[in-house]
Amino acid sequence: MKGYKFTTEEAAQSAIASINLAAGIPKSPDATTQTWTSYNVAEFNSPQFYYIGHDEFTESVLGNPEELNLIQEIID
């Protein structure tokens, strides 16, 4: 998966704030859309990290994405 990797939650939150500012979101405090995207935690990776998935708009704000190798839980 392509995306953006962050070592701290604060860095991921800052990136989300930058994306939302560039997108003009939210339009108002009671708007239905409050954020362009969100971040996730790669909780099965060691060390864990925070990440935001890639899309064209996010790339226009954060730059070129990297290939993320996410370990997922296997459920039988």
PDB file of N, CA and C in Angstrom:
ATOM      1  N   MET A   1       0.846  -1.166   0.000  1.00  0.00           N
ATOM      2  CA  MET A   1       0.000   0.000   0.000  1.00  0.00           C
ATOM      3  C   MET A   1       0.896   1.235   0.000  1.00  0.00           C
ATOM      4  N   LYS A   2       0.499   2.233  -0.758  1.00  0.00           N
ATOM      5  CA  LYS A   2       1.235   3.493  -0.755  1.00  0.00           C
ATOM      6  C   LYS A   2       0.623   4.427   0.281  1.00  0.00           C
ATOM      7  N   GLY A   3       1.505   5.183   0.940  1.00  0.00           N
ATOM      8  CA  GLY A   3       1.014   6.106   1.944  1.00  0.00           C
ATOM      9  C   GLY A   3       2.142   6.885   2.579  1.00  0.00           C
ATOM     10  N   TYR A   4       1.840   7.422   3.751  1.00  0.00           N
ATOM     11  CA  TYR A   4       2.738   8.308   4.470  1.00  0.00           C
ATOM     12  C   TYR A   4       2.901   7.770   5.889  1.00  0.00           C
ATOM     13  N   LYS A   5       4.145   7.626   6.322  1.00  0.00           N
ATOM     14  CA  LYS A   5       4.479   6.985   7.589  1.00  0.00           C
ATOM     15  C   LYS A   5       4.945   8.033   8.594  1.00  0.00           C
ATOM     16  N   PHE A   6       4.467   7.889   9.837  1.00  0.00           N
ATOM     17  CA  PHE A   6       4.806   8.823  10.905  1.00  0.00           C
ATOM     18  C   PHE A   6       5.190   8.037  12.155  1.00  0.00           C
ATOM     19  N   THR A   7       6.197   8.508  12.863  1.00  0.00           N
ATOM     20  CA  THR A   7       6.653   7.804  14.060  1.00  0.00           C
ATOM     21  C   THR A   7       5.876   8.214  15.310  1.00  0.00           C
ATOM     22  N   THR A   8       5.196   9.358  15.254  1.00  0.00           N
ATOM     23  CA  THR A   8       4.398   9.799  16.406  1.00  0.00           C
ATOM     24  C   THR A   8       2.973  10.132  15.965  1.00  0.00           C
ATOM     25  N   GLU A   9       2.066  10.004  16.909  1.00  0.00           N
ATOM     26  CA  GLU A   9       0.676  10.351  16.633  1.00  0.00           C
ATOM     27  C   GLU A   9       0.543  11.850  16.358  1.00  0.00           C
ATOM     28  N   GLU A  10       1.341  12.648  17.046  1.00  0.00           N
ATOM     29  CA  GLU A  10       1.299  14.091  16.847  1.00  0.00           C
ATOM     30  C   GLU A  10       1.677  14.460  15.409  1.00  0.00           C
ATOM     31  N   ALA A  11       2.669  13.783  14.850  1.00  0.00           N
ATOM     32  CA  ALA A  11       3.076  14.053  13.465  1.00  0.00           C
ATOM     33  C   ALA A  11       1.961  13.679  12.490  1.00  0.00           C
ATOM     34  N   ALA A  12       1.282  12.563  12.743  1.00  0.00           N
ATOM     35  CA  ALA A  12       0.160  12.155  11.892  1.00  0.00           C
ATOM     36  C   ALA A  12      -0.978  13.166  11.996  1.00  0.00           C
ATOM     37  N   GLN A  13      -1.270  13.636  13.214  1.00  0.00           N
ATOM     38  CA  GLN A  13      -2.318  14.632  13.407  1.00  0.00           C
ATOM     39  C   GLN A  13      -1.968  15.946  12.711  1.00  0.00           C
ATOM     40  N   SER A  14      -0.712  16.327  12.754  1.00  0.00           N
ATOM     41  CA  SER A  14      -0.259  17.545  12.086  1.00  0.00           C
ATOM     42  C   SER A  14      -0.430  17.423  10.574  1.00  0.00           C
ATOM     43  N   ALA A  15      -0.112  16.263  10.022  1.00  0.00           N
ATOM     44  CA  ALA A  15      -0.284  16.034   8.586  1.00  0.00           C
ATOM     45  C   ALA A  15      -1.761  16.115   8.203  1.00  0.00           C
ATOM     46  N   ILE A  16      -2.633  15.526   9.012  1.00  0.00           N
ATOM     47  CA  ILE A  16      -4.079  15.593   8.766  1.00  0.00           C
ATOM     48  C   ILE A  16      -4.540  17.051   8.790  1.00  0.00           C
ATOM     49  N   ALA A  17      -4.045  17.822   9.751  1.00  0.00           N
ATOM     50  CA  ALA A  17      -4.417  19.235   9.841  1.00  0.00           C
ATOM     51  C   ALA A  17      -3.986  19.987   8.580  1.00  0.00           C
ATOM     52  N   SER A  18      -2.801  19.688   8.062  1.00  0.00           N
ATOM     53  CA  SER A  18      -2.317  20.335   6.832  1.00  0.00           C
ATOM     54  C   SER A  18      -3.190  19.972   5.638  1.00  0.00           C
ATOM     55  N   ILE A  19      -3.568  18.710   5.551  1.00  0.00           N
ATOM     56  CA  ILE A  19      -4.430  18.247   4.454  1.00  0.00           C
ATOM     57  C   ILE A  19      -5.790  18.945   4.539  1.00  0.00           C
ATOM     58  N   ASN A  20      -6.365  18.973   5.739  1.00  0.00           N
ATOM     59  CA  ASN A  20      -7.680  19.609   5.916  1.00  0.00           C
ATOM     60  C   ASN A  20      -7.625  21.092   5.600  1.00  0.00           C
ATOM     61  N   LEU A  21      -6.568  21.765   6.009  1.00  0.00           N
ATOM     62  CA  LEU A  21      -6.421  23.188   5.717  1.00  0.00           C
ATOM     63  C   LEU A  21      -6.372  23.424   4.210  1.00  0.00           C
ATOM     64  N   ALA A  22      -5.586  22.613   3.507  1.00  0.00           N
ATOM     65  CA  ALA A  22      -5.474  22.748   2.047  1.00  0.00           C
ATOM     66  C   ALA A  22      -6.808  22.459   1.355  1.00  0.00           C
ATOM     67  N   ALA A  23      -7.596  21.544   1.928  1.00  0.00           N
ATOM     68  CA  ALA A  23      -8.890  21.176   1.338  1.00  0.00           C
ATOM     69  C   ALA A  23     -10.014  22.123   1.761  1.00  0.00           C
ATOM     70  N   GLY A  24      -9.738  22.984   2.729  1.00  0.00           N
ATOM     71  CA  GLY A  24     -10.778  23.874   3.222  1.00  0.00           C
ATOM     72  C   GLY A  24     -11.835  23.157   4.031  1.00  0.00           C
ATOM     73  N   ILE A  25     -11.416  22.123   4.739  1.00  0.00           N
ATOM     74  CA  ILE A  25     -12.340  21.299   5.535  1.00  0.00           C
ATOM     75  C   ILE A  25     -12.001  21.487   7.008  1.00  0.00           C
ATOM     76  N   PRO A  26     -12.970  21.627   7.889  1.00  0.00           N
ATOM     77  CA  PRO A  26     -14.404  21.655   7.597  1.00  0.00           C
ATOM     78  C   PRO A  26     -14.851  23.035   7.129  1.00  0.00           C
ATOM     79  N   LYS A  27     -15.913  23.052   6.373  1.00  0.00           N
ATOM     80  CA  LYS A  27     -16.464  24.320   5.881  1.00  0.00           C
ATOM     81  C   LYS A  27     -17.068  25.126   7.030  1.00  0.00           C
ATOM     82  N   SER A  28     -17.612  24.428   8.015  1.00  0.00           N
ATOM     83  CA  SER A  28     -18.166  25.054   9.211  1.00  0.00           C
ATOM     84  C   SER A  28     -18.085  24.025  10.342  1.00  0.00           C
ATOM     85  N   PRO A  29     -18.196  24.472  11.596  1.00  0.00           N
ATOM     86  CA  PRO A  29     -18.106  23.526  12.717  1.00  0.00           C
ATOM     87  C   PRO A  29     -19.154  22.415  12.682  1.00  0.00           C
ATOM     88  N   ASP A  30     -20.295  22.661  12.078  1.00  0.00           N
ATOM     89  CA  ASP A  30     -21.347  21.643  12.026  1.00  0.00           C
ATOM     90  C   ASP A  30     -21.458  20.964  10.662  1.00  0.00           C
ATOM     91  N   ALA A  31     -20.452  21.143   9.810  1.00  0.00           N
ATOM     92  CA  ALA A  31     -20.455  20.499   8.483  1.00  0.00           C
ATOM     93  C   ALA A  31     -20.406  18.982   8.634  1.00  0.00           C
ATOM     94  N   THR A  32     -21.007  18.301   7.685  1.00  0.00           N
ATOM     95  CA  THR A  32     -20.995  16.840   7.703  1.00  0.00           C
ATOM     96  C   THR A  32     -19.580  16.304   7.569  1.00  0.00           C
ATOM     97  N   THR A  33     -18.802  16.862   6.655  1.00  0.00           N
ATOM     98  CA  THR A  33     -17.419  16.421   6.444  1.00  0.00           C
ATOM     99  C   THR A  33     -16.499  17.230   7.341  1.00  0.00           C
ATOM    100  N   GLN A  34     -15.840  16.545   8.260  1.00  0.00           N
ATOM    101  CA  GLN A  34     -14.954  17.204   9.213  1.00  0.00           C
ATOM    102  C   GLN A  34     -13.479  16.984   8.914  1.00  0.00           C
ATOM    103  N   THR A  35     -13.160  16.016   8.070  1.00  0.00           N
ATOM    104  CA  THR A  35     -11.762  15.740   7.733  1.00  0.00           C
ATOM    105  C   THR A  35     -11.682  15.068   6.373  1.00  0.00           C
ATOM    106  N   TRP A  36     -10.592  15.324   5.644  1.00  0.00           N
ATOM    107  CA  TRP A  36     -10.395  14.726   4.320  1.00  0.00           C
ATOM    108  C   TRP A  36     -10.079  13.246   4.446  1.00  0.00           C
ATOM    109  N   THR A  37      -9.250  12.918   5.416  1.00  0.00           N
ATOM    110  CA  THR A  37      -8.804  11.544   5.617  1.00  0.00           C
ATOM    111  C   THR A  37      -8.516  11.343   7.092  1.00  0.00           C
ATOM    112  N   SER A  38      -8.063  10.186   7.450  1.00  0.00           N
ATOM    113  CA  SER A  38      -7.680   9.915   8.835  1.00  0.00           C
ATOM    114  C   SER A  38      -6.407   9.076   8.830  1.00  0.00           C
ATOM    115  N   TYR A  39      -5.826   8.923   9.992  1.00  0.00           N
ATOM    116  CA  TYR A  39      -4.629   8.095  10.099  1.00  0.00           C
ATOM    117  C   TYR A  39      -4.976   6.793  10.804  1.00  0.00           C
ATOM    118  N   ASN A  40      -4.124   5.824  10.625  1.00  0.00           N
ATOM    119  CA  ASN A  40      -4.276   4.518  11.260  1.00  0.00           C
ATOM    120  C   ASN A  40      -2.976   4.162  11.964  1.00  0.00           C
ATOM    121  N   VAL A  41      -3.039   3.111  12.780  1.00  0.00           N
ATOM    122  CA  VAL A  41      -1.860   2.622  13.474  1.00  0.00           C
ATOM    123  C   VAL A  41      -1.510   1.251  12.911  1.00  0.00           C
ATOM    124  N   ALA A  42      -0.243   1.088  12.549  1.00  0.00           N
ATOM    125  CA  ALA A  42       0.251  -0.224  12.108  1.00  0.00           C
ATOM    126  C   ALA A  42       0.618  -0.992  13.371  1.00  0.00           C
ATOM    127  N   GLU A  43      -0.407  -1.493  14.057  1.00  0.00           N
ATOM    128  CA  GLU A  43      -0.212  -2.066  15.385  1.00  0.00           C
ATOM    129  C   GLU A  43       0.492  -3.421  15.405  1.00  0.00           C
ATOM    130  N   PHE A  44       0.528  -4.116  14.270  1.00  0.00           N
ATOM    131  CA  PHE A  44       1.200  -5.407  14.237  1.00  0.00           C
ATOM    132  C   PHE A  44       2.627  -5.302  13.716  1.00  0.00           C
ATOM    133  N   ASN A  45       3.035  -4.114  13.285  1.00  0.00           N
ATOM    134  CA  ASN A  45       4.413  -3.883  12.868  1.00  0.00           C
ATOM    135  C   ASN A  45       5.263  -3.598  14.103  1.00  0.00           C
ATOM    136  N   SER A  46       6.536  -3.889  13.995  1.00  0.00           N
ATOM    137  CA  SER A  46       7.460  -3.573  15.078  1.00  0.00           C
ATOM    138  C   SER A  46       8.663  -2.857  14.500  1.00  0.00           C
ATOM    139  N   PRO A  47       8.886  -1.594  14.850  1.00  0.00           N
ATOM    140  CA  PRO A  47       8.059  -0.816  15.766  1.00  0.00           C
ATOM    141  C   PRO A  47       6.752  -0.366  15.105  1.00  0.00           C
ATOM    142  N   GLN A  48       5.765  -0.085  15.939  1.00  0.00           N
ATOM    143  CA  GLN A  48       4.495   0.422  15.434  1.00  0.00           C
ATOM    144  C   GLN A  48       4.702   1.808  14.845  1.00  0.00           C
ATOM    145  N   PHE A  49       3.843   2.173  13.901  1.00  0.00           N
ATOM    146  CA  PHE A  49       3.882   3.515  13.337  1.00  0.00           C
ATOM    147  C   PHE A  49       2.473   3.929  12.931  1.00  0.00           C
ATOM    148  N   TYR A  50       2.320   5.205  12.667  1.00  0.00           N
ATOM    149  CA  TYR A  50       1.061   5.777  12.207  1.00  0.00           C
ATOM    150  C   TYR A  50       1.176   6.000  10.700  1.00  0.00           C
ATOM    151  N   TYR A  51       0.061   5.882  10.008  1.00  0.00           N
ATOM    152  CA  TYR A  51       0.124   6.079   8.560  1.00  0.00           C
ATOM    153  C   TYR A  51      -1.180   6.649   8.022  1.00  0.00           C
ATOM    154  N   ILE A  52      -1.018   7.326   6.884  1.00  0.00           N
ATOM    155  CA  ILE A  52      -2.141   7.876   6.128  1.00  0.00           C
ATOM    156  C   ILE A  52      -2.056   7.273   4.735  1.00  0.00           C
ATOM    157  N   GLY A  53      -3.157   6.759   4.238  1.00  0.00           N
ATOM    158  CA  GLY A  53      -3.192   6.195   2.896  1.00  0.00           C
ATOM    159  C   GLY A  53      -3.049   7.276   1.828  1.00  0.00           C
ATOM    160  N   HIS A  54      -2.564   6.865   0.691  1.00  0.00           N
ATOM    161  CA  HIS A  54      -2.311   7.774  -0.421  1.00  0.00           C
ATOM    162  C   HIS A  54      -3.572   8.034  -1.237  1.00  0.00           C
ATOM    163  N   ASP A  55      -3.741   9.269  -1.669  1.00  0.00           N
ATOM    164  CA  ASP A  55      -4.671   9.635  -2.738  1.00  0.00           C
ATOM    165  C   ASP A  55      -4.071  10.856  -3.429  1.00  0.00           C
ATOM    166  N   GLU A  56      -4.604  11.218  -4.563  1.00  0.00           N
ATOM    167  CA  GLU A  56      -3.998  12.294  -5.352  1.00  0.00           C
ATOM    168  C   GLU A  56      -3.978  13.627  -4.609  1.00  0.00           C
ATOM    169  N   PHE A  57      -5.059  13.953  -3.902  1.00  0.00           N
ATOM    170  CA  PHE A  57      -5.077  15.226  -3.186  1.00  0.00           C
ATOM    171  C   PHE A  57      -4.063  15.225  -2.048  1.00  0.00           C
ATOM    172  N   THR A  58      -4.031  14.141  -1.300  1.00  0.00           N
ATOM    173  CA  THR A  58      -3.071  14.044  -0.197  1.00  0.00           C
ATOM    174  C   THR A  58      -1.643  14.174  -0.717  1.00  0.00           C
ATOM    175  N   GLU A  59      -1.369  13.598  -1.875  1.00  0.00           N
ATOM    176  CA  GLU A  59      -0.043  13.724  -2.477  1.00  0.00           C
ATOM    177  C   GLU A  59       0.274  15.183  -2.797  1.00  0.00           C
ATOM    178  N   SER A  60      -0.728  15.957  -3.204  1.00  0.00           N
ATOM    179  CA  SER A  60      -0.487  17.364  -3.524  1.00  0.00           C
ATOM    180  C   SER A  60      -0.091  18.161  -2.282  1.00  0.00           C
ATOM    181  N   VAL A  61      -0.425  17.652  -1.105  1.00  0.00           N
ATOM    182  CA  VAL A  61      -0.091  18.329   0.148  1.00  0.00           C
ATOM    183  C   VAL A  61       1.174  17.741   0.772  1.00  0.00           C
ATOM    184  N   LEU A  62       1.253  16.418   0.839  1.00  0.00           N
ATOM    185  CA  LEU A  62       2.348  15.757   1.558  1.00  0.00           C
ATOM    186  C   LEU A  62       3.513  15.323   0.669  1.00  0.00           C
ATOM    187  N   GLY A  63       3.326  15.375  -0.640  1.00  0.00           N
ATOM    188  CA  GLY A  63       4.397  14.957  -1.539  1.00  0.00           C
ATOM    189  C   GLY A  63       4.296  13.489  -1.902  1.00  0.00           C
ATOM    190  N   ASN A  64       5.393  12.959  -2.420  1.00  0.00           N
ATOM    191  CA  ASN A  64       5.405  11.577  -2.904  1.00  0.00           C
ATOM    192  C   ASN A  64       5.238  10.582  -1.758  1.00  0.00           C
ATOM    193  N   PRO A  65       4.358   9.598  -1.946  1.00  0.00           N
ATOM    194  CA  PRO A  65       4.156   8.582  -0.919  1.00  0.00           C
ATOM    195  C   PRO A  65       5.272   7.540  -0.966  1.00  0.00           C
ATOM    196  N   GLU A  66       5.288   6.703   0.042  1.00  0.00           N
ATOM    197  CA  GLU A  66       6.209   5.569   0.056  1.00  0.00           C
ATOM    198  C   GLU A  66       5.398   4.276   0.101  1.00  0.00           C
ATOM    199  N   GLU A  67       6.050   3.185  -0.212  1.00  0.00           N
ATOM    200  CA  GLU A  67       5.399   1.884  -0.130  1.00  0.00           C
ATOM    201  C   GLU A  67       5.430   1.447   1.335  1.00  0.00           C
ATOM    202  N   LEU A  68       4.265   1.199   1.905  1.00  0.00           N
ATOM    203  CA  LEU A  68       4.170   0.773   3.294  1.00  0.00           C
ATOM    204  C   LEU A  68       3.967  -0.734   3.349  1.00  0.00           C
ATOM    205  N   ASN A  69       4.734  -1.388   4.169  1.00  0.00           N
ATOM    206  CA  ASN A  69       4.588  -2.828   4.379  1.00  0.00           C
ATOM    207  C   ASN A  69       3.872  -3.037   5.701  1.00  0.00           C
ATOM    208  N   LEU A  70       2.579  -3.287   5.617  1.00  0.00           N
ATOM    209  CA  LEU A  70       1.763  -3.435   6.812  1.00  0.00           C
ATOM    210  C   LEU A  70       1.586  -4.899   7.152  1.00  0.00           C
ATOM    211  N   ILE A  71       1.832  -5.236   8.399  1.00  0.00           N
ATOM    212  CA  ILE A  71       1.586  -6.596   8.890  1.00  0.00           C
ATOM    213  C   ILE A  71       0.169  -6.623   9.416  1.00  0.00           C
ATOM    214  N   GLN A  72      -0.601  -7.592   8.981  1.00  0.00           N
ATOM    215  CA  GLN A  72      -1.996  -7.697   9.410  1.00  0.00           C
ATOM    216  C   GLN A  72      -2.201  -8.936  10.237  1.00  0.00           C
ATOM    217  N   GLU A  73      -3.137  -8.857  11.149  1.00  0.00           N
ATOM    218  CA  GLU A  73      -3.484  -9.988  11.983  1.00  0.00           C
ATOM    219  C   GLU A  73      -4.157 -11.062  11.133  1.00  0.00           C
ATOM    220  N   ILE A  74      -3.771 -12.298  11.344  1.00  0.00           N
ATOM    221  CA  ILE A  74      -4.404 -13.403  10.632  1.00  0.00           C
ATOM    222  C   ILE A  74      -5.474 -14.001  11.548  1.00  0.00           C
ATOM    223  N   ILE A  75      -6.700 -14.030  11.050  1.00  0.00           N
ATOM    224  CA  ILE A  75      -7.814 -14.574  11.817  1.00  0.00           C
ATOM    225  C   ILE A  75      -8.256 -15.865  11.158  1.00  0.00           C
ATOM    226  N   ASP A  76      -8.235 -16.920  11.928  1.00  0.00           N
ATOM    227  CA  ASP A  76      -8.648 -18.237  11.385  1.00  0.00           C
ATOM    228  C   ASP A  76     -10.130 -18.421  11.457  1.00  0.00           C
TER     229      ASP A  76
END
